[in-house]
Amino acid sequence: MAEKEEPNFKLVQKNRKAWHEYEILEKVEAGLVLKGSEVKSIRAGNASILEAYAKLAKGEAWIVNMDVQPYAQAGPFNHEPKRTRKLLLKRTELNRLQGKTAERGLTLIPLSLYFKDGYAKVEIGLAKGKKQYDKRETIKKRDVDRDLRRRAMK
C-alpha cells in the first residue's frame, strides 16, 4: 500500500522492522476508529506502530500498543496514548483472518499507517515469525542482490 502514488494518499509511518522479523504472507487494509485528538496527532506524525500488533476478539479486530502521542492543543479532552483501538474490517475478512490465525499460529502485524481519501488506515500483515537462520538468509540474499545491481551499473 505505501508504495502507491495516489493524489489522496499520505504515508504517516512504515514498519520496516516487520519485514525483517516476520515473513508476510498476506496484506489487508483496515480503517481505524479514532478520537478527534488522535486524528490530529497522527496527521502531525506523532504516532508509532513499531511495537503494535493486532488481535481478534469477540468477532472484532483491535490494534494493541499503537502509540499516538497526546495532541498539544486538545487540552483536557485528550486521549490515552497507548489505548486499544478498533479496526474496521468486513465480516468476511474478519472470519478469514480468524481462521488463519487460530489454526496455523500466525499473527497480525501493522505494516504501515497512512491517510487515504481523508481516512486513517492501517495495513495489516498476516505474518509468520522468522527464525534466526531465516533472518541471516534474508540479509545474505539482499547483499547479493545489491552487489549484482552495482556490477550491472558499472
Protein backbone atom coordinates (compact mmCIF):
# COMPACT_ATOMS: atom_id res chain seq x y z
CA MET A 1 0.00 0.00 0.00
CA ALA A 2 2.65 2.52 0.99
CA GLU A 3 4.35 2.37 -2.42
CA LYS A 4 1.29 3.69 -4.24
CA GLU A 5 1.49 7.25 -5.50
CA GLU A 6 -2.11 8.41 -5.24
CA PRO A 7 -3.20 12.04 -5.04
CA ASN A 8 -5.13 11.49 -1.77
CA PHE A 9 -2.52 9.30 -0.04
CA LYS A 10 -0.28 10.42 2.84
CA LEU A 11 2.06 7.92 4.48
CA VAL A 12 2.48 8.54 8.22
CA GLN A 13 4.70 5.62 9.21
CA LYS A 14 6.01 2.37 7.76
CA ASN A 15 7.02 -0.58 9.95
CA ARG A 16 10.24 -1.64 8.22
CA LYS A 17 11.25 -3.87 11.14
CA ALA A 18 8.23 -6.11 10.49
CA TRP A 19 9.69 -7.24 7.16
CA HIS A 20 12.90 -8.32 8.94
CA GLU A 21 11.25 -10.04 11.90
CA TYR A 22 8.34 -11.73 10.07
CA GLU A 23 7.51 -13.42 6.79
CA ILE A 24 4.48 -11.52 5.49
CA LEU A 25 2.01 -13.91 3.86
CA GLU A 26 -0.90 -11.59 3.14
CA LYS A 27 -1.86 -7.90 3.49
CA VAL A 28 -5.20 -6.35 4.45
CA GLU A 29 -6.23 -2.68 4.62
CA ALA A 30 -8.27 -1.69 7.68
CA GLY A 31 -9.82 1.53 8.89
CA LEU A 32 -9.27 2.86 12.40
CA VAL A 33 -11.79 4.12 14.96
CA LEU A 34 -10.14 7.24 16.39
CA LYS A 35 -10.97 10.27 18.51
CA GLY A 36 -10.52 13.77 17.10
CA SER A 37 -7.34 14.50 19.03
CA GLU A 38 -5.86 11.20 17.81
CA VAL A 39 -6.51 12.09 14.17
CA LYS A 40 -4.82 15.47 14.56
CA SER A 41 -1.85 13.91 16.34
CA ILE A 42 -1.44 11.24 13.63
CA ARG A 43 -1.65 13.91 10.91
CA ALA A 44 1.19 15.72 12.69
CA GLY A 45 3.24 12.50 12.54
CA ASN A 46 3.15 11.74 16.28
CA ALA A 47 2.23 8.05 16.01
CA SER A 48 4.19 4.81 16.21
CA ILE A 49 3.21 1.31 15.09
CA LEU A 50 6.61 -0.28 15.73
CA GLU A 51 5.58 -2.13 18.90
CA ALA A 52 1.94 -2.64 17.90
CA TYR A 53 0.11 -5.82 16.94
CA ALA A 54 -3.47 -6.68 16.04
CA LYS A 55 -5.71 -9.19 17.75
CA LEU A 56 -9.12 -10.66 17.03
CA ALA A 57 -11.55 -10.92 19.94
CA LYS A 58 -15.33 -11.43 20.10
CA GLY A 59 -15.74 -11.08 16.36
CA GLU A 60 -13.89 -7.75 16.19
CA ALA A 61 -10.35 -6.68 15.30
CA TRP A 62 -8.29 -4.47 17.62
CA ILE A 63 -4.88 -2.84 17.34
CA VAL A 64 -2.95 -3.04 20.61
CA ASN A 65 0.00 -0.94 21.78
CA MET A 66 -0.17 1.63 18.95
CA ASP A 67 1.37 4.78 20.39
CA VAL A 68 -0.37 8.05 19.46
CA GLN A 69 1.12 10.95 21.41
CA PRO A 70 -1.33 13.44 23.00
CA TYR A 71 -2.24 16.41 20.84
CA ALA A 72 -0.95 19.62 22.48
CA GLN A 73 -3.96 21.81 21.62
CA ALA A 74 -6.59 19.29 22.82
CA GLY A 75 -6.28 20.35 26.46
CA PRO A 76 -8.34 18.29 28.92
CA PHE A 77 -10.11 16.41 26.09
CA ASN A 78 -7.01 14.48 25.10
CA HIS A 79 -6.73 10.73 24.57
CA GLU A 80 -4.75 7.95 26.24
CA PRO A 81 -1.56 7.35 24.18
CA LYS A 82 -1.48 3.52 24.10
CA ARG A 83 -5.17 2.67 24.26
CA THR A 84 -6.55 -0.28 22.30
CA ARG A 85 -8.22 0.93 19.09
CA LYS A 86 -10.83 -0.84 16.98
CA LEU A 87 -10.04 -1.84 13.40
CA LEU A 88 -12.72 -1.68 10.73
CA LEU A 89 -12.80 -4.79 8.55
CA LYS A 90 -15.51 -6.54 6.57
CA ARG A 91 -17.09 -9.58 8.18
CA THR A 92 -15.69 -11.92 5.51
CA GLU A 93 -12.15 -10.59 6.09
CA LEU A 94 -12.55 -10.96 9.86
CA ASN A 95 -13.74 -14.56 9.55
CA ARG A 96 -10.92 -15.46 7.15
CA LEU A 97 -8.26 -13.89 9.37
CA GLN A 98 -9.78 -15.51 12.47
CA GLY A 99 -9.46 -18.93 10.87
CA LYS A 100 -5.90 -18.42 9.67
CA THR A 101 -4.58 -17.03 12.97
CA ALA A 102 -6.27 -19.76 15.01
CA GLU A 103 -5.26 -22.83 13.02
CA ARG A 104 -1.71 -22.01 11.89
CA GLY A 105 -0.45 -19.87 14.75
CA LEU A 106 0.03 -16.80 12.57
CA THR A 107 -0.02 -13.25 13.91
CA LEU A 108 -1.30 -9.89 12.68
CA ILE A 109 1.29 -7.10 12.42
CA PRO A 110 0.68 -3.49 11.31
CA LEU A 111 2.88 -2.72 8.28
CA SER A 112 2.02 0.91 7.60
CA LEU A 113 -0.14 3.76 8.86
CA TYR A 114 -1.48 6.28 6.34
CA PHE A 115 -4.32 8.56 5.31
CA LYS A 116 -6.32 7.64 2.22
CA ASP A 117 -9.05 9.99 1.00
CA GLY A 118 -9.00 11.69 4.40
CA TYR A 119 -9.48 8.49 6.42
CA ALA A 120 -6.85 6.95 8.70
CA LYS A 121 -5.96 3.45 7.51
CA VAL A 122 -3.57 0.79 8.68
CA GLU A 123 -2.17 -2.01 6.53
CA ILE A 124 -2.19 -5.25 8.50
CA GLY A 125 0.01 -8.18 7.50
CA LEU A 126 -0.74 -11.82 8.25
CA ALA A 127 2.71 -12.85 9.39
CA LYS A 128 4.75 -15.84 10.46
CA GLY A 129 7.76 -15.28 12.71
CA LYS A 130 11.18 -15.86 11.18
CA LYS A 131 13.85 -17.98 12.81
CA GLN A 132 17.34 -16.56 13.28
CA TYR A 133 18.75 -18.51 10.32
CA ASP A 134 15.92 -17.19 8.10
CA LYS A 135 16.87 -13.63 9.04
CA ARG A 136 20.53 -14.28 8.17
CA GLU A 137 19.49 -15.83 4.87
CA THR A 138 17.37 -12.78 4.01
CA ILE A 139 20.27 -10.43 4.77
CA LYS A 140 22.64 -12.55 2.64
CA LYS A 141 20.19 -12.56 -0.29
CA ARG A 142 19.73 -8.79 -0.04
CA ASP A 143 23.53 -8.24 -0.06
CA VAL A 144 23.98 -10.47 -3.11
CA ASP A 145 21.22 -8.64 -4.98
CA ARG A 146 22.80 -5.30 -4.09
CA ASP A 147 26.21 -6.46 -5.38
CA LEU A 148 24.64 -7.68 -8.63
CA ARG A 149 22.92 -4.34 -9.16
CA ARG A 150 26.18 -2.48 -8.53
CA ARG A 151 28.03 -4.65 -11.04
CA ALA A 152 25.28 -4.16 -13.61
CA MET A 153 25.52 -0.36 -13.17
CA LYS A 154 29.27 -0.45 -13.96
